[in-house]
Amino acid sequence: MPPQMERTWLTGMNANHGFARELSGLLRAGGVTLVDSREASTAEFRVQRLTTGRRVLSVGGDARVSEYELYMVLEYEVRGRGSEWALEPVTLNITREYVHDPLLVLSQGEQEQALREAMERDLAQLVMFRLQAAR
């Protein structure tokens, strides 16, 4: 991790969001200490936008949805505190598709939740790869 991120303050997102928990765990594993205030930090990781949603991908001959796409969009920036070091804003997009079966509505919800959790993990790992490359 960049040495400027030794003590990082995460802002702009709910700490209980799945992505926030994933990112926090990966940052700690990477040697970053997460702090609760700007004053205690050496860098600020600011989430400018974190959007999730679902879109219809296809409709069958019976006019029912047959496929959905889940998406997650993250826009963030990282700035050093008391230094010129910074990472310019980055936008990351992740999508996953799944087949919708109207007869399996309950298991569809579980499948969608599992996909969202996997997307949160993947998004946090993408952020880590970018941070590690910024050394």
N, C-alpha and C. Protein backbone atom coordinates (compact mmCIF):
# COMPACT_ATOMS: atom_id res chain seq x y z
N MET A 1 0.84 -1.19 0.00
CA MET A 1 0.00 0.00 0.00
C MET A 1 0.89 1.25 0.00
N PRO A 2 0.40 2.32 -0.58
CA PRO A 2 1.17 3.56 -0.53
C PRO A 2 1.40 3.99 0.92
N PRO A 3 2.61 4.41 1.26
CA PRO A 3 2.89 4.79 2.65
C PRO A 3 2.03 5.95 3.14
N GLN A 4 1.55 6.79 2.24
CA GLN A 4 0.69 7.91 2.62
C GLN A 4 -0.64 7.43 3.21
N MET A 5 -0.98 6.18 2.96
CA MET A 5 -2.25 5.64 3.46
C MET A 5 -2.10 4.90 4.79
N GLU A 6 -1.01 5.14 5.48
CA GLU A 6 -0.75 4.46 6.75
C GLU A 6 -1.94 4.54 7.71
N ARG A 7 -2.51 5.73 7.85
CA ARG A 7 -3.70 5.94 8.68
C ARG A 7 -4.77 6.59 7.78
N THR A 8 -5.75 5.81 7.40
CA THR A 8 -6.73 6.28 6.42
C THR A 8 -8.11 6.45 7.04
N TRP A 9 -8.76 7.52 6.62
CA TRP A 9 -10.13 7.83 7.04
C TRP A 9 -11.04 7.54 5.86
N LEU A 10 -12.00 6.60 6.04
CA LEU A 10 -12.97 6.26 5.00
C LEU A 10 -14.20 7.15 5.16
N THR A 11 -14.58 7.84 4.10
CA THR A 11 -15.73 8.73 4.16
C THR A 11 -16.65 8.52 2.96
N GLY A 12 -17.88 8.98 3.11
CA GLY A 12 -18.82 8.99 2.00
C GLY A 12 -19.64 7.73 1.83
N MET A 13 -19.56 6.81 2.80
CA MET A 13 -20.36 5.59 2.69
C MET A 13 -20.73 5.09 4.08
N ASN A 14 -21.78 4.33 4.12
CA ASN A 14 -22.25 3.73 5.36
C ASN A 14 -21.29 2.60 5.76
N ALA A 15 -20.77 2.66 6.95
CA ALA A 15 -19.80 1.66 7.42
C ALA A 15 -20.38 0.25 7.47
N ASN A 16 -21.72 0.13 7.49
CA ASN A 16 -22.35 -1.18 7.53
C ASN A 16 -22.66 -1.76 6.16
N HIS A 17 -22.41 -0.99 5.12
CA HIS A 17 -22.63 -1.48 3.75
C HIS A 17 -21.65 -2.62 3.49
N GLY A 18 -22.08 -3.63 2.77
CA GLY A 18 -21.22 -4.78 2.49
C GLY A 18 -19.90 -4.40 1.85
N PHE A 19 -19.93 -3.45 0.91
CA PHE A 19 -18.69 -3.01 0.26
C PHE A 19 -17.76 -2.36 1.28
N ALA A 20 -18.30 -1.53 2.16
CA ALA A 20 -17.48 -0.86 3.18
C ALA A 20 -16.81 -1.88 4.09
N ARG A 21 -17.54 -2.91 4.49
CA ARG A 21 -16.96 -3.95 5.35
C ARG A 21 -15.86 -4.71 4.61
N GLU A 22 -16.10 -5.04 3.34
CA GLU A 22 -15.09 -5.75 2.55
C GLU A 22 -13.84 -4.92 2.40
N LEU A 23 -14.01 -3.64 2.01
CA LEU A 23 -12.86 -2.77 1.80
C LEU A 23 -12.09 -2.55 3.10
N SER A 24 -12.80 -2.34 4.19
CA SER A 24 -12.13 -2.14 5.49
C SER A 24 -11.28 -3.34 5.85
N GLY A 25 -11.81 -4.53 5.66
CA GLY A 25 -11.06 -5.75 5.98
C GLY A 25 -9.81 -5.89 5.11
N LEU A 26 -9.94 -5.59 3.83
CA LEU A 26 -8.78 -5.69 2.93
C LEU A 26 -7.73 -4.63 3.24
N LEU A 27 -8.17 -3.42 3.56
CA LEU A 27 -7.22 -2.36 3.92
C LEU A 27 -6.44 -2.73 5.18
N ARG A 28 -7.17 -3.23 6.18
CA ARG A 28 -6.48 -3.64 7.42
C ARG A 28 -5.48 -4.77 7.15
N ALA A 29 -5.89 -5.72 6.32
CA ALA A 29 -4.99 -6.83 5.98
C ALA A 29 -3.77 -6.32 5.21
N GLY A 30 -3.92 -5.20 4.52
CA GLY A 30 -2.81 -4.61 3.77
C GLY A 30 -1.94 -3.70 4.62
N GLY A 31 -2.21 -3.62 5.92
CA GLY A 31 -1.37 -2.84 6.82
C GLY A 31 -1.85 -1.42 7.06
N VAL A 32 -3.05 -1.08 6.60
CA VAL A 32 -3.59 0.26 6.80
C VAL A 32 -4.36 0.30 8.11
N THR A 33 -4.14 1.34 8.89
CA THR A 33 -4.92 1.57 10.10
C THR A 33 -6.06 2.50 9.74
N LEU A 34 -7.28 2.08 10.01
CA LEU A 34 -8.44 2.93 9.72
C LEU A 34 -8.72 3.79 10.95
N VAL A 35 -8.89 5.09 10.71
CA VAL A 35 -9.12 6.04 11.80
C VAL A 35 -10.51 6.66 11.63
N ASP A 36 -10.99 7.28 12.72
CA ASP A 36 -12.35 7.82 12.75
C ASP A 36 -12.45 9.32 12.49
N SER A 37 -11.33 9.98 12.22
CA SER A 37 -11.40 11.42 12.01
C SER A 37 -10.33 11.87 11.02
N ARG A 38 -10.61 13.00 10.41
CA ARG A 38 -9.65 13.59 9.47
C ARG A 38 -8.35 13.96 10.18
N GLU A 39 -8.47 14.49 11.39
CA GLU A 39 -7.29 14.95 12.13
C GLU A 39 -6.31 13.82 12.41
N ALA A 40 -6.79 12.61 12.61
CA ALA A 40 -5.93 11.47 12.93
C ALA A 40 -5.39 10.78 11.67
N SER A 41 -5.81 11.22 10.50
CA SER A 41 -5.48 10.51 9.27
C SER A 41 -4.26 11.08 8.54
N THR A 42 -3.67 10.21 7.72
CA THR A 42 -2.63 10.64 6.78
C THR A 42 -3.19 10.66 5.36
N ALA A 43 -4.38 10.06 5.18
CA ALA A 43 -5.05 10.05 3.88
C ALA A 43 -6.55 9.90 4.09
N GLU A 44 -7.29 10.38 3.09
CA GLU A 44 -8.75 10.24 3.11
C GLU A 44 -9.19 9.48 1.86
N PHE A 45 -9.91 8.40 2.08
CA PHE A 45 -10.52 7.63 0.99
C PHE A 45 -11.97 8.06 0.95
N ARG A 46 -12.34 8.82 -0.08
CA ARG A 46 -13.69 9.38 -0.17
C ARG A 46 -14.49 8.71 -1.28
N VAL A 47 -15.60 8.10 -0.88
CA VAL A 47 -16.54 7.54 -1.86
C VAL A 47 -17.45 8.67 -2.30
N GLN A 48 -17.38 9.00 -3.57
CA GLN A 48 -18.23 10.06 -4.10
C GLN A 48 -19.58 9.52 -4.55
N ARG A 49 -19.57 8.25 -4.99
CA ARG A 49 -20.84 7.63 -5.42
C ARG A 49 -20.71 6.12 -5.33
N LEU A 50 -21.71 5.49 -4.76
CA LEU A 50 -21.81 4.04 -4.72
C LEU A 50 -23.27 3.70 -5.03
N THR A 51 -23.48 3.19 -6.24
CA THR A 51 -24.83 2.93 -6.73
C THR A 51 -24.98 1.46 -7.05
N THR A 52 -26.08 0.88 -6.65
CA THR A 52 -26.38 -0.50 -7.01
C THR A 52 -27.78 -0.54 -7.61
N GLY A 53 -28.01 -1.52 -8.46
CA GLY A 53 -29.33 -1.63 -9.04
C GLY A 53 -29.49 -2.88 -9.88
N ARG A 54 -30.66 -2.96 -10.50
CA ARG A 54 -30.99 -4.12 -11.33
C ARG A 54 -31.71 -3.61 -12.57
N ARG A 55 -31.34 -4.18 -13.72
CA ARG A 55 -31.97 -3.83 -15.00
C ARG A 55 -32.48 -5.09 -15.67
N VAL A 56 -33.52 -4.94 -16.45
CA VAL A 56 -34.03 -6.05 -17.26
C VAL A 56 -33.12 -6.21 -18.47
N LEU A 57 -32.64 -7.43 -18.70
CA LEU A 57 -31.80 -7.71 -19.87
C LEU A 57 -32.61 -8.27 -21.03
N SER A 58 -33.54 -9.16 -20.72
CA SER A 58 -34.34 -9.73 -21.81
C SER A 58 -35.72 -10.13 -21.30
N VAL A 59 -36.64 -10.16 -22.25
CA VAL A 59 -38.03 -10.53 -21.98
C VAL A 59 -38.38 -11.68 -22.90
N GLY A 60 -39.05 -12.69 -22.35
CA GLY A 60 -39.43 -13.85 -23.14
C GLY A 60 -40.64 -13.58 -24.02
N GLY A 61 -41.01 -14.58 -24.80
CA GLY A 61 -42.16 -14.48 -25.70
C GLY A 61 -43.47 -14.27 -24.98
N ASP A 62 -43.50 -14.62 -23.69
CA ASP A 62 -44.72 -14.44 -22.90
C ASP A 62 -44.76 -13.06 -22.22
N ALA A 63 -43.87 -12.17 -22.63
CA ALA A 63 -43.77 -10.80 -22.10
C ALA A 63 -43.36 -10.77 -20.62
N ARG A 64 -42.69 -11.83 -20.16
CA ARG A 64 -42.16 -11.85 -18.79
C ARG A 64 -40.64 -11.72 -18.83
N VAL A 65 -40.11 -11.14 -17.78
CA VAL A 65 -38.66 -10.97 -17.69
C VAL A 65 -38.00 -12.33 -17.62
N SER A 66 -36.97 -12.54 -18.44
CA SER A 66 -36.26 -13.81 -18.40
C SER A 66 -34.82 -13.65 -17.90
N GLU A 67 -34.26 -12.43 -18.00
CA GLU A 67 -32.91 -12.19 -17.50
C GLU A 67 -32.81 -10.79 -16.89
N TYR A 68 -32.04 -10.72 -15.80
CA TYR A 68 -31.74 -9.45 -15.15
C TYR A 68 -30.24 -9.23 -15.15
N GLU A 69 -29.87 -7.96 -15.03
CA GLU A 69 -28.47 -7.59 -14.84
C GLU A 69 -28.38 -6.80 -13.54
N LEU A 70 -27.50 -7.21 -12.65
CA LEU A 70 -27.20 -6.44 -11.44
C LEU A 70 -26.00 -5.58 -11.74
N TYR A 71 -25.97 -4.36 -11.20
CA TYR A 71 -24.82 -3.50 -11.44
C TYR A 71 -24.44 -2.77 -10.16
N MET A 72 -23.17 -2.40 -10.11
CA MET A 72 -22.63 -1.62 -9.02
C MET A 72 -21.65 -0.62 -9.63
N VAL A 73 -21.80 0.64 -9.26
CA VAL A 73 -20.91 1.69 -9.75
C VAL A 73 -20.30 2.37 -8.54
N LEU A 74 -18.98 2.46 -8.53
CA LEU A 74 -18.25 3.11 -7.45
C LEU A 74 -17.39 4.21 -8.04
N GLU A 75 -17.51 5.39 -7.47
CA GLU A 75 -16.62 6.50 -7.83
C GLU A 75 -15.95 6.95 -6.54
N TYR A 76 -14.63 6.99 -6.56
CA TYR A 76 -13.89 7.35 -5.34
C TYR A 76 -12.63 8.12 -5.69
N GLU A 77 -12.07 8.76 -4.66
CA GLU A 77 -10.77 9.41 -4.78
C GLU A 77 -10.03 9.24 -3.46
N VAL A 78 -8.73 9.34 -3.52
CA VAL A 78 -7.90 9.24 -2.32
C VAL A 78 -6.97 10.44 -2.30
N ARG A 79 -6.92 11.13 -1.18
CA ARG A 79 -6.08 12.31 -1.03
C ARG A 79 -5.24 12.19 0.23
N GLY A 80 -3.97 12.52 0.10
CA GLY A 80 -3.09 12.58 1.26
C GLY A 80 -3.42 13.82 2.08
N ARG A 81 -3.25 13.71 3.36
CA ARG A 81 -3.50 14.85 4.24
C ARG A 81 -2.16 15.49 4.58
N GLY A 82 -2.04 16.76 4.27
CA GLY A 82 -0.79 17.47 4.54
C GLY A 82 0.29 17.17 3.52
N SER A 83 -0.09 16.63 2.36
CA SER A 83 0.89 16.35 1.30
C SER A 83 0.20 16.54 -0.04
N GLU A 84 0.99 16.54 -1.09
CA GLU A 84 0.45 16.70 -2.44
C GLU A 84 -0.02 15.37 -3.03
N TRP A 85 0.25 14.26 -2.33
CA TRP A 85 -0.09 12.94 -2.86
C TRP A 85 -1.60 12.80 -3.01
N ALA A 86 -2.03 12.27 -4.15
CA ALA A 86 -3.46 12.05 -4.38
C ALA A 86 -3.64 11.08 -5.54
N LEU A 87 -4.75 10.38 -5.50
CA LEU A 87 -5.21 9.58 -6.64
C LEU A 87 -6.43 10.29 -7.19
N GLU A 88 -6.41 10.56 -8.45
CA GLU A 88 -7.54 11.24 -9.08
C GLU A 88 -8.78 10.36 -9.01
N PRO A 89 -9.94 10.96 -9.14
CA PRO A 89 -11.18 10.16 -9.06
C PRO A 89 -11.19 8.99 -10.04
N VAL A 90 -11.66 7.88 -9.55
CA VAL A 90 -11.74 6.64 -10.32
C VAL A 90 -13.19 6.18 -10.31
N THR A 91 -13.66 5.67 -11.45
CA THR A 91 -15.00 5.08 -11.52
C THR A 91 -14.87 3.62 -11.92
N LEU A 92 -15.44 2.74 -11.12
CA LEU A 92 -15.42 1.30 -11.40
C LEU A 92 -16.87 0.82 -11.57
N ASN A 93 -17.08 -0.04 -12.56
CA ASN A 93 -18.40 -0.62 -12.82
C ASN A 93 -18.28 -2.14 -12.80
N ILE A 94 -19.22 -2.78 -12.14
CA ILE A 94 -19.28 -4.25 -12.12
C ILE A 94 -20.71 -4.65 -12.46
N THR A 95 -20.84 -5.66 -13.30
CA THR A 95 -22.17 -6.18 -13.63
C THR A 95 -22.16 -7.70 -13.53
N ARG A 96 -23.32 -8.25 -13.23
CA ARG A 96 -23.55 -9.69 -13.24
C ARG A 96 -24.94 -9.93 -13.80
N GLU A 97 -25.09 -11.00 -14.56
CA GLU A 97 -26.40 -11.34 -15.12
C GLU A 97 -26.90 -12.63 -14.50
N TYR A 98 -28.21 -12.76 -14.45
CA TYR A 98 -28.79 -14.04 -14.02
C TYR A 98 -30.13 -14.26 -14.70
N VAL A 99 -30.47 -15.53 -14.84
CA VAL A 99 -31.73 -15.93 -15.46
C VAL A 99 -32.82 -15.91 -14.40
N HIS A 100 -33.94 -15.31 -14.74
CA HIS A 100 -35.07 -15.21 -13.83
C HIS A 100 -36.08 -16.31 -14.13
N ASP A 101 -36.41 -17.09 -13.10
CA ASP A 101 -37.43 -18.13 -13.24
C ASP A 101 -38.58 -17.76 -12.31
N PRO A 102 -39.74 -17.37 -12.86
CA PRO A 102 -40.85 -16.94 -12.01
C PRO A 102 -41.37 -18.02 -11.06
N LEU A 103 -41.04 -19.27 -11.32
CA LEU A 103 -41.47 -20.36 -10.45
C LEU A 103 -40.59 -20.51 -9.22
N LEU A 104 -39.41 -19.89 -9.24
CA LEU A 104 -38.45 -20.01 -8.14
C LEU A 104 -38.16 -18.66 -7.50
N VAL A 105 -39.19 -17.90 -7.21
CA VAL A 105 -39.03 -16.53 -6.72
C VAL A 105 -38.20 -16.48 -5.44
N LEU A 106 -38.43 -17.38 -4.49
CA LEU A 106 -37.69 -17.33 -3.23
C LEU A 106 -36.21 -17.61 -3.43
N SER A 107 -35.87 -18.62 -4.21
CA SER A 107 -34.46 -18.91 -4.43
C SER A 107 -33.81 -17.84 -5.31
N GLN A 108 -34.60 -17.15 -6.13
CA GLN A 108 -34.07 -16.06 -6.96
C GLN A 108 -33.55 -14.94 -6.06
N GLY A 109 -34.30 -14.64 -5.00
CA GLY A 109 -33.86 -13.60 -4.07
C GLY A 109 -32.55 -13.96 -3.41
N GLU A 110 -32.40 -15.22 -3.04
CA GLU A 110 -31.14 -15.68 -2.44
C GLU A 110 -30.01 -15.61 -3.45
N GLN A 111 -30.30 -15.99 -4.70
CA GLN A 111 -29.29 -15.94 -5.75
C GLN A 111 -28.85 -14.49 -5.98
N GLU A 112 -29.80 -13.57 -6.03
CA GLU A 112 -29.48 -12.16 -6.23
C GLU A 112 -28.63 -11.62 -5.08
N GLN A 113 -28.98 -11.99 -3.85
CA GLN A 113 -28.21 -11.54 -2.68
C GLN A 113 -26.78 -12.09 -2.73
N ALA A 114 -26.63 -13.35 -3.10
CA ALA A 114 -25.29 -13.95 -3.20
C ALA A 114 -24.48 -13.25 -4.29
N LEU A 115 -25.10 -12.91 -5.40
CA LEU A 115 -24.40 -12.18 -6.47
C LEU A 115 -23.98 -10.80 -6.00
N ARG A 116 -24.85 -10.10 -5.27
CA ARG A 116 -24.50 -8.76 -4.76
C ARG A 116 -23.31 -8.83 -3.80
N GLU A 117 -23.31 -9.83 -2.92
CA GLU A 117 -22.19 -9.98 -1.99
C GLU A 117 -20.89 -10.27 -2.73
N ALA A 118 -20.95 -11.11 -3.76
CA ALA A 118 -19.77 -11.39 -4.57
C ALA A 118 -19.29 -10.13 -5.29
N MET A 119 -20.22 -9.32 -5.75
CA MET A 119 -19.86 -8.08 -6.43
C MET A 119 -19.18 -7.11 -5.47
N GLU A 120 -19.66 -7.04 -4.22
CA GLU A 120 -19.03 -6.17 -3.22
C GLU A 120 -17.60 -6.62 -2.96
N ARG A 121 -17.38 -7.93 -2.86
CA ARG A 121 -16.02 -8.45 -2.67
C ARG A 121 -15.13 -8.12 -3.87
N ASP A 122 -15.66 -8.35 -5.07
CA ASP A 122 -14.89 -8.08 -6.29
C ASP A 122 -14.55 -6.60 -6.41
N LEU A 123 -15.50 -5.74 -6.09
CA LEU A 123 -15.27 -4.30 -6.16
C LEU A 123 -14.19 -3.87 -5.17
N ALA A 124 -14.24 -4.39 -3.96
CA ALA A 124 -13.22 -4.07 -2.96
C ALA A 124 -11.84 -4.55 -3.41
N GLN A 125 -11.77 -5.72 -4.03
CA GLN A 125 -10.49 -6.22 -4.53
C GLN A 125 -9.96 -5.37 -5.68
N LEU A 126 -10.84 -4.90 -6.56
CA LEU A 126 -10.42 -4.00 -7.64
C LEU A 126 -9.83 -2.71 -7.07
N VAL A 127 -10.45 -2.17 -6.05
CA VAL A 127 -9.93 -0.96 -5.40
C VAL A 127 -8.54 -1.24 -4.84
N MET A 128 -8.38 -2.37 -4.17
CA MET A 128 -7.08 -2.71 -3.59
C MET A 128 -6.00 -2.84 -4.66
N PHE A 129 -6.32 -3.48 -5.79
CA PHE A 129 -5.34 -3.59 -6.87
C PHE A 129 -4.89 -2.21 -7.34
N ARG A 130 -5.83 -1.30 -7.48
CA ARG A 130 -5.50 0.06 -7.92
C ARG A 130 -4.66 0.80 -6.88
N LEU A 131 -5.00 0.62 -5.61
CA LEU A 131 -4.23 1.29 -4.55
C LEU A 131 -2.81 0.74 -4.49
N GLN A 132 -2.66 -0.58 -4.61
CA GLN A 132 -1.34 -1.17 -4.57
C GLN A 132 -0.49 -0.74 -5.76
N ALA A 133 -1.12 -0.51 -6.90
CA ALA A 133 -0.39 -0.05 -8.09
C ALA A 133 0.02 1.41 -7.99
N ALA A 134 -0.59 2.15 -7.06
CA ALA A 134 -0.32 3.59 -6.92
C ALA A 134 0.90 3.90 -6.09
N ARG A 135 1.58 2.93 -5.62
CA ARG A 135 2.76 3.16 -4.77
C ARG A 135 3.64 4.13 -5.40
